[in-house]
Amino acid sequence: ATEQWQDKLNYKGEIPFDVSYLNIKQPQVYLDDITYALKHNLPSRTLISGPPGTGKTAYAHYLAELNNRKLLRIKCSDVLSKWVGESERKIAELFQRAHTEEQVILLDEVDSLLSAREGLSAQHELQFVNEFLTQIECFTQPLFAATNFSDKLDKAVLRRFDFKLDCQYLTSTQVVELYKKLTKVRTLKEAETQKLSSLRNLTPGDFALLARRKK
């Protein structure tokens, strides 16, 4: 009745997360500050944006696990309801639960939750975004939000984040390193290295797919 015995689906990365492959436009000291805030349970808010597969969601899970913190991942299906007012109630309950149990929150695909209000017409849609903004403002624990489309977020949402990380694709050197690590090949032929180095717009997520194919 309390849903405590449900076998819920949980996030699990196909390959171990390695923070050295998280390429951000901002100075690396940002990562140290975010880790410090999480370690000392400060109510920091971090927005992670960038192409799919760059490690946005994995980074939040990695930090929480590193600091022995429970992570509450909030998706659209957790809060959306067909009944007017029900979505706002669910949002309030989830934030209250995270506050009481001192859980870190991850708003996954946050662009689907907090779209710019200029493009919203229905009153219940505006109420939904307003409730989220209020809860974020009052939240007492570290909070992360991940998105592939930061330009779709409400401007008031962007102003509420202390840290904004823009994730980028892997460098050619990182591509070669990850390939060798995944295939367990110590050395590559020069032609193979050149071909790998010529590939563009690759992410750790692409190598996760390669790991799944190997299985």
N, C-alpha and C. Protein backbone atom coordinates (compact mmCIF):
# COMPACT_ATOMS: atom_id res chain seq x y z
N ALA A 1 0.83 -1.21 0.00
CA ALA A 1 0.00 0.00 0.00
C ALA A 1 0.87 1.26 0.00
N THR A 2 2.02 1.21 0.65
CA THR A 2 2.92 2.37 0.69
C THR A 2 3.99 2.33 -0.40
N GLU A 3 3.88 1.35 -1.30
CA GLU A 3 4.78 1.21 -2.45
C GLU A 3 6.23 0.94 -2.05
N GLN A 4 6.45 0.47 -0.84
CA GLN A 4 7.81 0.21 -0.38
C GLN A 4 8.39 -1.08 -0.96
N TRP A 5 7.53 -1.98 -1.41
CA TRP A 5 8.00 -3.27 -1.90
C TRP A 5 8.03 -3.34 -3.42
N GLN A 6 7.77 -2.24 -4.06
CA GLN A 6 7.78 -2.26 -5.52
C GLN A 6 9.21 -2.40 -6.04
N ASP A 7 9.35 -3.19 -7.09
CA ASP A 7 10.65 -3.35 -7.74
C ASP A 7 10.77 -2.26 -8.81
N LYS A 8 11.22 -1.09 -8.41
CA LYS A 8 11.24 0.06 -9.30
C LYS A 8 12.46 0.04 -10.21
N LEU A 9 12.28 0.62 -11.39
CA LEU A 9 13.38 0.74 -12.34
C LEU A 9 14.31 1.86 -11.88
N ASN A 10 15.60 1.58 -11.84
CA ASN A 10 16.58 2.56 -11.41
C ASN A 10 17.65 2.77 -12.47
N TYR A 11 18.24 3.95 -12.45
CA TYR A 11 19.28 4.28 -13.41
C TYR A 11 20.54 3.45 -13.14
N LYS A 12 21.13 2.95 -14.20
CA LYS A 12 22.39 2.24 -14.08
C LYS A 12 23.18 2.44 -15.36
N GLY A 13 24.36 3.04 -15.22
CA GLY A 13 25.19 3.30 -16.40
C GLY A 13 25.79 2.02 -16.95
N GLU A 14 25.94 1.96 -18.26
CA GLU A 14 26.50 0.77 -18.90
C GLU A 14 28.00 0.65 -18.67
N ILE A 15 28.66 1.80 -18.56
CA ILE A 15 30.10 1.81 -18.24
C ILE A 15 30.29 2.71 -17.02
N PRO A 16 31.30 2.41 -16.18
CA PRO A 16 31.52 3.22 -14.98
C PRO A 16 31.77 4.69 -15.34
N PHE A 17 31.17 5.58 -14.56
CA PHE A 17 31.35 7.01 -14.82
C PHE A 17 32.76 7.43 -14.42
N ASP A 18 33.39 8.20 -15.29
CA ASP A 18 34.72 8.72 -15.04
C ASP A 18 34.67 10.24 -15.23
N VAL A 19 34.86 10.97 -14.15
CA VAL A 19 34.70 12.43 -14.20
C VAL A 19 35.72 13.08 -15.14
N SER A 20 36.83 12.38 -15.43
CA SER A 20 37.84 12.96 -16.33
C SER A 20 37.33 13.05 -17.77
N TYR A 21 36.23 12.36 -18.08
CA TYR A 21 35.64 12.43 -19.42
C TYR A 21 34.43 13.38 -19.45
N LEU A 22 34.20 14.08 -18.35
CA LEU A 22 33.15 15.09 -18.32
C LEU A 22 33.78 16.43 -18.72
N ASN A 23 33.64 16.79 -19.97
CA ASN A 23 34.24 18.02 -20.50
C ASN A 23 33.25 19.17 -20.37
N ILE A 24 33.63 20.19 -19.62
CA ILE A 24 32.76 21.35 -19.44
C ILE A 24 33.44 22.61 -19.94
N LYS A 25 32.64 23.57 -20.38
CA LYS A 25 33.18 24.85 -20.85
C LYS A 25 33.71 25.69 -19.70
N GLN A 26 33.11 25.51 -18.53
CA GLN A 26 33.48 26.30 -17.36
C GLN A 26 34.80 25.80 -16.75
N PRO A 27 35.43 26.59 -15.89
CA PRO A 27 36.66 26.16 -15.22
C PRO A 27 36.41 24.89 -14.39
N GLN A 28 37.41 24.03 -14.32
CA GLN A 28 37.27 22.78 -13.58
C GLN A 28 37.02 23.00 -12.09
N VAL A 29 37.37 24.17 -11.60
CA VAL A 29 37.16 24.46 -10.18
C VAL A 29 35.67 24.43 -9.83
N TYR A 30 34.80 24.62 -10.83
CA TYR A 30 33.36 24.52 -10.60
C TYR A 30 33.00 23.15 -10.03
N LEU A 31 33.64 22.11 -10.56
CA LEU A 31 33.35 20.75 -10.09
C LEU A 31 33.76 20.58 -8.64
N ASP A 32 34.88 21.22 -8.26
CA ASP A 32 35.33 21.16 -6.87
C ASP A 32 34.33 21.85 -5.96
N ASP A 33 33.80 22.98 -6.40
CA ASP A 33 32.82 23.73 -5.60
C ASP A 33 31.53 22.94 -5.42
N ILE A 34 31.10 22.29 -6.50
CA ILE A 34 29.86 21.50 -6.43
C ILE A 34 30.04 20.31 -5.49
N THR A 35 31.19 19.66 -5.58
CA THR A 35 31.49 18.54 -4.69
C THR A 35 31.53 19.00 -3.24
N TYR A 36 32.13 20.16 -3.00
CA TYR A 36 32.20 20.72 -1.64
C TYR A 36 30.79 20.97 -1.10
N ALA A 37 29.93 21.56 -1.94
CA ALA A 37 28.56 21.86 -1.50
C ALA A 37 27.80 20.59 -1.14
N LEU A 38 27.99 19.55 -1.94
CA LEU A 38 27.30 18.28 -1.67
C LEU A 38 27.84 17.63 -0.40
N LYS A 39 29.16 17.66 -0.24
CA LYS A 39 29.80 17.04 0.92
C LYS A 39 29.35 17.71 2.21
N HIS A 40 29.15 19.02 2.17
CA HIS A 40 28.77 19.77 3.37
C HIS A 40 27.26 20.07 3.42
N ASN A 41 26.52 19.39 2.55
CA ASN A 41 25.05 19.47 2.57
C ASN A 41 24.53 20.91 2.44
N LEU A 42 25.13 21.65 1.54
CA LEU A 42 24.68 23.01 1.27
C LEU A 42 23.61 22.99 0.17
N PRO A 43 22.63 23.87 0.24
CA PRO A 43 21.53 23.86 -0.74
C PRO A 43 21.92 24.43 -2.09
N SER A 44 22.91 23.84 -2.72
CA SER A 44 23.38 24.31 -4.03
C SER A 44 22.46 23.82 -5.14
N ARG A 45 22.42 24.57 -6.23
CA ARG A 45 21.59 24.20 -7.38
C ARG A 45 22.48 24.20 -8.62
N THR A 46 22.52 23.07 -9.29
CA THR A 46 23.42 22.89 -10.44
C THR A 46 22.63 22.49 -11.68
N LEU A 47 22.76 23.27 -12.75
CA LEU A 47 22.14 22.94 -14.03
C LEU A 47 23.20 22.37 -14.95
N ILE A 48 22.95 21.17 -15.46
CA ILE A 48 23.90 20.50 -16.36
C ILE A 48 23.25 20.37 -17.74
N SER A 49 23.81 21.02 -18.72
CA SER A 49 23.24 20.97 -20.07
C SER A 49 24.29 20.48 -21.06
N GLY A 50 23.82 20.07 -22.24
CA GLY A 50 24.74 19.60 -23.26
C GLY A 50 24.13 18.49 -24.08
N PRO A 51 24.85 18.00 -25.10
CA PRO A 51 24.34 16.95 -25.98
C PRO A 51 24.06 15.66 -25.21
N PRO A 52 23.17 14.81 -25.76
CA PRO A 52 22.89 13.51 -25.12
C PRO A 52 24.15 12.66 -25.01
N GLY A 53 24.28 11.96 -23.88
CA GLY A 53 25.39 11.03 -23.73
C GLY A 53 26.66 11.61 -23.15
N THR A 54 26.66 12.91 -22.82
CA THR A 54 27.89 13.54 -22.32
C THR A 54 28.12 13.29 -20.83
N GLY A 55 27.15 12.69 -20.15
CA GLY A 55 27.34 12.32 -18.75
C GLY A 55 26.62 13.20 -17.75
N LYS A 56 25.57 13.89 -18.18
CA LYS A 56 24.86 14.82 -17.29
C LYS A 56 24.19 14.08 -16.13
N THR A 57 23.36 13.12 -16.47
CA THR A 57 22.67 12.34 -15.44
C THR A 57 23.65 11.50 -14.63
N ALA A 58 24.61 10.91 -15.32
CA ALA A 58 25.60 10.05 -14.65
C ALA A 58 26.41 10.84 -13.62
N TYR A 59 26.69 12.10 -13.91
CA TYR A 59 27.48 12.93 -12.99
C TYR A 59 26.75 13.13 -11.67
N ALA A 60 25.45 13.40 -11.72
CA ALA A 60 24.67 13.59 -10.50
C ALA A 60 24.64 12.31 -9.67
N HIS A 61 24.43 11.17 -10.34
CA HIS A 61 24.43 9.87 -9.64
C HIS A 61 25.81 9.59 -9.04
N TYR A 62 26.85 9.89 -9.79
CA TYR A 62 28.22 9.66 -9.34
C TYR A 62 28.52 10.46 -8.07
N LEU A 63 28.16 11.74 -8.06
CA LEU A 63 28.43 12.59 -6.90
C LEU A 63 27.66 12.13 -5.67
N ALA A 64 26.40 11.76 -5.88
CA ALA A 64 25.59 11.30 -4.76
C ALA A 64 26.18 10.02 -4.16
N GLU A 65 26.57 9.10 -5.02
CA GLU A 65 27.15 7.84 -4.55
C GLU A 65 28.49 8.07 -3.87
N LEU A 66 29.28 8.98 -4.41
CA LEU A 66 30.59 9.28 -3.86
C LEU A 66 30.49 9.82 -2.43
N ASN A 67 29.41 10.56 -2.17
CA ASN A 67 29.22 11.18 -0.85
C ASN A 67 28.18 10.46 0.00
N ASN A 68 27.84 9.22 -0.41
CA ASN A 68 26.88 8.40 0.35
C ASN A 68 25.56 9.12 0.59
N ARG A 69 25.06 9.75 -0.48
CA ARG A 69 23.79 10.46 -0.39
C ARG A 69 22.75 9.77 -1.25
N LYS A 70 21.52 9.75 -0.77
CA LYS A 70 20.43 9.20 -1.57
C LYS A 70 20.02 10.23 -2.61
N LEU A 71 19.74 9.74 -3.81
CA LEU A 71 19.36 10.63 -4.91
C LEU A 71 17.92 10.35 -5.32
N LEU A 72 17.10 11.39 -5.31
CA LEU A 72 15.72 11.28 -5.75
C LEU A 72 15.63 11.84 -7.17
N ARG A 73 15.44 10.95 -8.12
CA ARG A 73 15.36 11.36 -9.53
C ARG A 73 13.90 11.62 -9.89
N ILE A 74 13.61 12.84 -10.31
CA ILE A 74 12.24 13.24 -10.64
C ILE A 74 12.09 13.35 -12.15
N LYS A 75 11.14 12.61 -12.68
CA LYS A 75 10.84 12.61 -14.12
C LYS A 75 9.41 13.13 -14.33
N CYS A 76 9.06 13.34 -15.59
CA CYS A 76 7.71 13.81 -15.92
C CYS A 76 6.64 12.89 -15.34
N SER A 77 6.84 11.59 -15.48
CA SER A 77 5.83 10.62 -15.05
C SER A 77 5.61 10.65 -13.54
N ASP A 78 6.57 11.23 -12.79
CA ASP A 78 6.44 11.28 -11.33
C ASP A 78 5.50 12.39 -10.87
N VAL A 79 5.32 13.39 -11.70
CA VAL A 79 4.56 14.56 -11.24
C VAL A 79 3.35 14.93 -12.09
N LEU A 80 3.34 14.55 -13.37
CA LEU A 80 2.24 14.96 -14.23
C LEU A 80 0.97 14.18 -13.93
N SER A 81 -0.16 14.89 -13.94
CA SER A 81 -1.46 14.27 -13.69
C SER A 81 -2.51 14.94 -14.57
N LYS A 82 -3.54 14.19 -14.89
CA LYS A 82 -4.63 14.77 -15.70
C LYS A 82 -5.57 15.62 -14.86
N TRP A 83 -5.46 15.53 -13.54
CA TRP A 83 -6.34 16.28 -12.65
C TRP A 83 -5.71 17.64 -12.31
N VAL A 84 -6.50 18.69 -12.41
CA VAL A 84 -6.03 20.03 -12.10
C VAL A 84 -5.63 20.12 -10.62
N GLY A 85 -4.43 20.58 -10.38
CA GLY A 85 -3.95 20.73 -9.01
C GLY A 85 -3.21 19.51 -8.47
N GLU A 86 -3.40 18.36 -9.09
CA GLU A 86 -2.77 17.13 -8.62
C GLU A 86 -1.26 17.15 -8.87
N SER A 87 -0.84 17.70 -10.00
CA SER A 87 0.59 17.77 -10.32
C SER A 87 1.33 18.63 -9.30
N GLU A 88 0.74 19.78 -8.95
CA GLU A 88 1.37 20.65 -7.97
C GLU A 88 1.50 19.95 -6.61
N ARG A 89 0.48 19.17 -6.25
CA ARG A 89 0.51 18.44 -4.98
C ARG A 89 1.64 17.41 -4.99
N LYS A 90 1.80 16.71 -6.13
CA LYS A 90 2.87 15.71 -6.24
C LYS A 90 4.24 16.36 -6.12
N ILE A 91 4.40 17.52 -6.76
CA ILE A 91 5.68 18.23 -6.69
C ILE A 91 6.01 18.58 -5.24
N ALA A 92 5.02 19.15 -4.54
CA ALA A 92 5.23 19.54 -3.15
C ALA A 92 5.58 18.34 -2.28
N GLU A 93 4.93 17.21 -2.51
CA GLU A 93 5.18 16.00 -1.73
C GLU A 93 6.59 15.47 -1.96
N LEU A 94 7.04 15.48 -3.22
CA LEU A 94 8.38 14.98 -3.54
C LEU A 94 9.47 15.85 -2.91
N PHE A 95 9.30 17.17 -2.98
CA PHE A 95 10.28 18.06 -2.38
C PHE A 95 10.27 17.95 -0.86
N GLN A 96 9.08 17.80 -0.27
CA GLN A 96 8.99 17.65 1.17
C GLN A 96 9.66 16.35 1.63
N ARG A 97 9.45 15.29 0.86
CA ARG A 97 10.07 14.00 1.17
C ARG A 97 11.60 14.11 1.10
N ALA A 98 12.10 14.78 0.06
CA ALA A 98 13.55 14.93 -0.09
C ALA A 98 14.12 15.78 1.04
N HIS A 99 13.37 16.79 1.48
CA HIS A 99 13.80 17.63 2.59
C HIS A 99 13.86 16.84 3.89
N THR A 100 12.80 16.08 4.16
CA THR A 100 12.71 15.31 5.40
C THR A 100 13.78 14.23 5.47
N GLU A 101 14.01 13.54 4.35
CA GLU A 101 14.96 12.43 4.32
C GLU A 101 16.36 12.86 3.89
N GLU A 102 16.55 14.18 3.72
CA GLU A 102 17.84 14.74 3.31
C GLU A 102 18.37 14.07 2.05
N GLN A 103 17.53 14.05 1.02
CA GLN A 103 17.90 13.45 -0.25
C GLN A 103 18.31 14.54 -1.24
N VAL A 104 19.25 14.19 -2.11
CA VAL A 104 19.62 15.05 -3.23
C VAL A 104 18.58 14.85 -4.34
N ILE A 105 18.18 15.93 -4.99
CA ILE A 105 17.18 15.83 -6.06
C ILE A 105 17.87 15.98 -7.42
N LEU A 106 17.44 15.16 -8.37
CA LEU A 106 17.85 15.31 -9.77
C LEU A 106 16.59 15.47 -10.62
N LEU A 107 16.46 16.62 -11.24
CA LEU A 107 15.36 16.87 -12.18
C LEU A 107 15.86 16.46 -13.56
N ASP A 108 15.45 15.27 -14.01
CA ASP A 108 15.94 14.75 -15.28
C ASP A 108 15.10 15.28 -16.43
N GLU A 109 15.75 15.59 -17.55
CA GLU A 109 15.06 16.20 -18.71
C GLU A 109 14.21 17.38 -18.22
N VAL A 110 14.85 18.29 -17.51
CA VAL A 110 14.13 19.38 -16.83
C VAL A 110 13.41 20.30 -17.82
N ASP A 111 13.83 20.31 -19.08
CA ASP A 111 13.15 21.16 -20.06
C ASP A 111 11.70 20.75 -20.26
N SER A 112 11.40 19.46 -20.03
CA SER A 112 10.01 18.98 -20.17
C SER A 112 9.18 19.35 -18.95
N LEU A 113 9.85 19.77 -17.87
CA LEU A 113 9.14 20.14 -16.65
C LEU A 113 9.02 21.65 -16.49
N LEU A 114 10.02 22.39 -16.92
CA LEU A 114 10.08 23.82 -16.66
C LEU A 114 10.27 24.62 -17.95
N SER A 115 9.34 24.45 -18.88
CA SER A 115 9.39 25.19 -20.14
C SER A 115 9.16 26.68 -19.90
N ALA A 116 9.66 27.49 -20.82
CA ALA A 116 9.49 28.94 -20.71
C ALA A 116 8.00 29.30 -20.64
N ARG A 117 7.64 30.12 -19.68
CA ARG A 117 6.22 30.45 -19.48
C ARG A 117 5.64 31.30 -20.60
N GLU A 118 6.52 31.95 -21.38
CA GLU A 118 6.00 32.76 -22.49
C GLU A 118 5.24 31.90 -23.50
N GLY A 119 5.64 30.62 -23.60
CA GLY A 119 5.00 29.73 -24.57
C GLY A 119 3.83 28.94 -24.01
N LEU A 120 3.48 29.18 -22.74
CA LEU A 120 2.38 28.45 -22.11
C LEU A 120 1.11 29.29 -22.14
N SER A 121 0.00 28.63 -22.37
CA SER A 121 -1.27 29.36 -22.45
C SER A 121 -2.25 28.94 -21.36
N ALA A 122 -2.28 27.64 -21.04
CA ALA A 122 -3.24 27.15 -20.05
C ALA A 122 -2.81 27.54 -18.63
N GLN A 123 -3.78 27.87 -17.79
CA GLN A 123 -3.50 28.30 -16.44
C GLN A 123 -2.82 27.21 -15.62
N HIS A 124 -3.26 25.95 -15.83
CA HIS A 124 -2.69 24.86 -15.03
C HIS A 124 -1.21 24.62 -15.39
N GLU A 125 -0.83 24.95 -16.64
CA GLU A 125 0.58 24.82 -17.03
C GLU A 125 1.43 25.86 -16.32
N LEU A 126 0.90 27.07 -16.21
CA LEU A 126 1.62 28.13 -15.51
C LEU A 126 1.74 27.81 -14.02
N GLN A 127 0.68 27.28 -13.45
CA GLN A 127 0.69 26.91 -12.04
C GLN A 127 1.73 25.83 -11.77
N PHE A 128 1.84 24.90 -12.72
CA PHE A 128 2.80 23.80 -12.60
C PHE A 128 4.23 24.34 -12.52
N VAL A 129 4.59 25.23 -13.43
CA VAL A 129 5.94 25.81 -13.46
C VAL A 129 6.17 26.66 -12.21
N ASN A 130 5.17 27.46 -11.82
CA ASN A 130 5.30 28.32 -10.64
C ASN A 130 5.54 27.50 -9.38
N GLU A 131 4.84 26.38 -9.26
CA GLU A 131 5.01 25.51 -8.09
C GLU A 131 6.43 24.96 -8.04
N PHE A 132 6.94 24.54 -9.17
CA PHE A 132 8.30 24.02 -9.24
C PHE A 132 9.31 25.09 -8.82
N LEU A 133 9.13 26.30 -9.34
CA LEU A 133 10.05 27.40 -9.01
C LEU A 133 10.04 27.70 -7.52
N THR A 134 8.87 27.68 -6.93
CA THR A 134 8.74 27.94 -5.49
C THR A 134 9.44 26.88 -4.67
N GLN A 135 9.25 25.61 -5.07
CA GLN A 135 9.86 24.51 -4.34
C GLN A 135 11.38 24.53 -4.47
N ILE A 136 11.89 24.84 -5.65
CA ILE A 136 13.33 24.94 -5.86
C ILE A 136 13.91 26.04 -4.97
N GLU A 137 13.21 27.15 -4.91
CA GLU A 137 13.67 28.29 -4.12
C GLU A 137 13.77 27.96 -2.63
N CYS A 138 12.87 27.11 -2.15
CA CYS A 138 12.81 26.79 -0.71
C CYS A 138 13.59 25.53 -0.34
N PHE A 139 14.06 24.78 -1.31
CA PHE A 139 14.65 23.48 -1.03
C PHE A 139 15.94 23.62 -0.23
N THR A 140 16.13 22.72 0.72
CA THR A 140 17.24 22.83 1.68
C THR A 140 18.42 21.90 1.36
N GLN A 141 18.29 21.07 0.32
CA GLN A 141 19.33 20.09 -0.01
C GLN A 141 19.92 20.40 -1.39
N PRO A 142 21.06 19.79 -1.74
CA PRO A 142 21.61 19.98 -3.09
C PRO A 142 20.63 19.51 -4.16
N LEU A 143 20.58 20.24 -5.26
CA LEU A 143 19.66 19.92 -6.36
C LEU A 143 20.40 20.00 -7.69
N PHE A 144 20.13 19.00 -8.54
CA PHE A 144 20.69 18.97 -9.88
C PHE A 144 19.56 18.95 -10.90
N ALA A 145 19.82 19.53 -12.06
CA ALA A 145 18.86 19.48 -13.16
C ALA A 145 19.65 19.21 -14.44
N ALA A 146 19.16 18.27 -15.25
CA ALA A 146 19.86 17.90 -16.49
C ALA A 146 18.96 18.15 -17.68
N THR A 147 19.53 18.68 -18.75
CA THR A 147 18.74 18.94 -19.95
C THR A 147 19.62 18.95 -21.19
N ASN A 148 19.02 18.58 -22.31
CA ASN A 148 19.68 18.70 -23.61
C ASN A 148 19.34 20.04 -24.27
N PHE A 149 18.35 20.74 -23.70
CA PHE A 149 17.83 21.96 -24.33
C PHE A 149 17.67 23.07 -23.29
N SER A 150 18.76 23.63 -22.85
CA SER A 150 18.70 24.68 -21.83
C SER A 150 18.02 25.95 -22.35
N ASP A 151 18.03 26.15 -23.69
CA ASP A 151 17.41 27.34 -24.26
C ASP A 151 15.89 27.32 -24.15
N LYS A 152 15.31 26.15 -23.84
CA LYS A 152 13.86 26.04 -23.70
C LYS A 152 13.38 26.31 -22.28
N LEU A 153 14.32 26.47 -21.36
CA LEU A 153 13.94 26.67 -19.96
C LEU A 153 13.46 28.09 -19.69
N ASP A 154 12.61 28.20 -18.68
CA ASP A 154 12.12 29.51 -18.27
C ASP A 154 13.30 30.34 -17.73
N LYS A 155 13.31 31.63 -18.03
CA LYS A 155 14.42 32.50 -17.61
C LYS A 155 14.55 32.55 -16.09
N ALA A 156 13.41 32.48 -15.40
CA ALA A 156 13.44 32.50 -13.94
C ALA A 156 14.10 31.23 -13.39
N VAL A 157 14.00 30.14 -14.14
CA VAL A 157 14.65 28.89 -13.75
C VAL A 157 16.17 29.06 -13.81
N LEU A 158 16.65 29.61 -14.91
CA LEU A 158 18.10 29.79 -15.10
C LEU A 158 18.70 30.66 -14.01
N ARG A 159 17.95 31.68 -13.56
CA ARG A 159 18.46 32.58 -12.53
C ARG A 159 18.58 31.90 -11.16
N ARG A 160 17.90 30.81 -10.98
CA ARG A 160 17.89 30.15 -9.68
C ARG A 160 19.04 29.15 -9.49
N PHE A 161 19.85 28.94 -10.52
CA PHE A 161 20.93 27.97 -10.41
C PHE A 161 22.25 28.66 -10.08
N ASP A 162 22.93 28.11 -9.06
CA ASP A 162 24.23 28.66 -8.64
C ASP A 162 25.33 28.29 -9.63
N PHE A 163 25.24 27.08 -10.16
CA PHE A 163 26.25 26.58 -11.11
C PHE A 163 25.56 26.13 -12.39
N LYS A 164 26.14 26.51 -13.52
CA LYS A 164 25.64 26.07 -14.82
C LYS A 164 26.81 25.42 -15.56
N LEU A 165 26.67 24.13 -15.82
CA LEU A 165 27.72 23.38 -16.51
C LEU A 165 27.29 23.09 -17.94
N ASP A 166 28.12 23.44 -18.90
CA ASP A 166 27.86 23.14 -20.31
C ASP A 166 28.78 22.01 -20.73
N CYS A 167 28.22 20.82 -20.93
CA CYS A 167 29.02 19.65 -21.28
C CYS A 167 29.31 19.62 -22.78
N GLN A 168 30.50 19.16 -23.12
CA GLN A 168 30.92 19.10 -24.52
C GLN A 168 31.31 17.68 -24.92
N TYR A 169 31.56 17.50 -26.22
CA TYR A 169 31.93 16.19 -26.75
C TYR A 169 33.34 15.80 -26.31
N LEU A 170 33.65 14.53 -26.47
CA LEU A 170 34.98 14.02 -26.14
C LEU A 170 36.02 14.57 -27.12
N THR A 171 37.24 14.73 -26.61
CA THR A 171 38.35 15.11 -27.49
C THR A 171 38.84 13.86 -28.23
N SER A 172 39.64 14.04 -29.26
CA SER A 172 40.15 12.90 -30.02
C SER A 172 41.02 12.00 -29.14
N THR A 173 41.77 12.60 -28.22
CA THR A 173 42.60 11.81 -27.30
C THR A 173 41.73 10.95 -26.39
N GLN A 174 40.65 11.53 -25.89
CA GLN A 174 39.74 10.79 -25.02
C GLN A 174 39.04 9.66 -25.76
N VAL A 175 38.73 9.88 -27.02
CA VAL A 175 38.09 8.85 -27.84
C VAL A 175 39.00 7.63 -27.96
N VAL A 176 40.27 7.87 -28.25
CA VAL A 176 41.23 6.77 -28.37
C VAL A 176 41.39 6.05 -27.02
N GLU A 177 41.48 6.81 -25.93
CA GLU A 177 41.63 6.23 -24.60
C GLU A 177 40.45 5.34 -24.23
N LEU A 178 39.25 5.85 -24.46
CA LEU A 178 38.04 5.09 -24.11
C LEU A 178 37.91 3.83 -24.96
N TYR A 179 38.26 3.96 -26.23
CA TYR A 179 38.18 2.80 -27.12
C TYR A 179 39.13 1.69 -26.65
N LYS A 180 40.35 2.06 -26.30
CA LYS A 180 41.33 1.08 -25.83
C LYS A 180 40.90 0.47 -24.50
N LYS A 181 40.32 1.29 -23.64
CA LYS A 181 39.87 0.80 -22.34
C LYS A 181 38.71 -0.17 -22.50
N LEU A 182 37.80 0.14 -23.39
CA LEU A 182 36.61 -0.68 -23.57
C LEU A 182 36.91 -2.00 -24.28
N THR A 183 37.81 -1.93 -25.26
CA THR A 183 38.14 -3.14 -26.04
C THR A 183 39.28 -3.93 -25.41
N LYS A 184 39.92 -3.31 -24.37
CA LYS A 184 41.06 -3.94 -23.68
C LYS A 184 42.23 -4.21 -24.62
N VAL A 185 42.38 -3.30 -25.57
CA VAL A 185 43.51 -3.36 -26.51
C VAL A 185 44.57 -2.37 -26.03
N ARG A 186 45.78 -2.85 -25.85
CA ARG A 186 46.84 -1.99 -25.31
C ARG A 186 47.37 -1.00 -26.34
N THR A 187 47.58 -1.49 -27.55
CA THR A 187 48.12 -0.61 -28.59
C THR A 187 47.27 -0.72 -29.85
N LEU A 188 47.19 0.37 -30.57
CA LEU A 188 46.44 0.41 -31.83
C LEU A 188 47.40 0.69 -32.98
N LYS A 189 47.04 0.22 -34.15
CA LYS A 189 47.81 0.55 -35.35
C LYS A 189 47.63 2.04 -35.64
N GLU A 190 48.59 2.60 -36.31
CA GLU A 190 48.54 4.04 -36.60
C GLU A 190 47.30 4.41 -37.40
N ALA A 191 46.92 3.54 -38.34
CA ALA A 191 45.73 3.80 -39.16
C ALA A 191 44.47 3.79 -38.30
N GLU A 192 44.42 2.87 -37.32
CA GLU A 192 43.26 2.80 -36.42
C GLU A 192 43.17 4.05 -35.54
N THR A 193 44.32 4.48 -35.04
CA THR A 193 44.35 5.69 -34.20
C THR A 193 43.89 6.91 -34.99
N GLN A 194 44.36 7.01 -36.24
CA GLN A 194 43.98 8.15 -37.08
C GLN A 194 42.48 8.14 -37.38
N LYS A 195 41.95 6.95 -37.63
CA LYS A 195 40.53 6.85 -37.94
C LYS A 195 39.68 7.24 -36.73
N LEU A 196 40.09 6.75 -35.55
CA LEU A 196 39.37 7.10 -34.33
C LEU A 196 39.46 8.60 -34.05
N SER A 197 40.65 9.16 -34.24
CA SER A 197 40.86 10.58 -33.97
C SER A 197 40.06 11.47 -34.91
N SER A 198 39.72 10.95 -36.08
CA SER A 198 38.98 11.75 -37.07
C SER A 198 37.49 11.82 -36.77
N LEU A 199 37.01 10.94 -35.89
CA LEU A 199 35.58 10.92 -35.56
C LEU A 199 35.23 12.13 -34.69
N ARG A 200 34.10 12.73 -34.97
CA ARG A 200 33.69 13.93 -34.24
C ARG A 200 32.36 13.69 -33.52
N ASN A 201 32.12 14.54 -32.52
CA ASN A 201 30.85 14.55 -31.77
C ASN A 201 30.54 13.22 -31.10
N LEU A 202 31.57 12.58 -30.54
CA LEU A 202 31.35 11.35 -29.79
C LEU A 202 31.25 11.67 -28.30
N THR A 203 30.49 10.85 -27.59
CA THR A 203 30.28 11.04 -26.15
C THR A 203 30.50 9.71 -25.42
N PRO A 204 30.64 9.74 -24.10
CA PRO A 204 30.71 8.48 -23.35
C PRO A 204 29.48 7.60 -23.59
N GLY A 205 28.35 8.23 -23.90
CA GLY A 205 27.14 7.47 -24.20
C GLY A 205 27.29 6.60 -25.44
N ASP A 206 28.07 7.05 -26.41
CA ASP A 206 28.32 6.24 -27.61
C ASP A 206 29.12 5.00 -27.25
N PHE A 207 30.04 5.15 -26.32
CA PHE A 207 30.85 4.01 -25.89
C PHE A 207 30.03 3.06 -25.01
N ALA A 208 29.03 3.60 -24.32
CA ALA A 208 28.12 2.75 -23.56
C ALA A 208 27.34 1.84 -24.51
N LEU A 209 26.95 2.38 -25.65
CA LEU A 209 26.26 1.57 -26.66
C LEU A 209 27.18 0.48 -27.20
N LEU A 210 28.45 0.83 -27.36
CA LEU A 210 29.43 -0.14 -27.83
C LEU A 210 29.58 -1.29 -26.81
N ALA A 211 29.53 -0.92 -25.52
CA ALA A 211 29.62 -1.92 -24.46
C ALA A 211 28.41 -2.86 -24.49
N ARG A 212 27.23 -2.30 -24.77
CA ARG A 212 26.02 -3.11 -24.87
C ARG A 212 26.10 -4.06 -26.07
N ARG A 213 26.65 -3.60 -27.18
CA ARG A 213 26.80 -4.45 -28.36
C ARG A 213 27.75 -5.61 -28.08
N LYS A 214 28.81 -5.33 -27.33
CA LYS A 214 29.76 -6.38 -26.99
C LYS A 214 29.08 -7.49 -26.18
N LYS A 215 28.19 -7.09 -25.29
CA LYS A 215 27.45 -8.08 -24.49
C LYS A 215 26.59 -8.96 -25.38
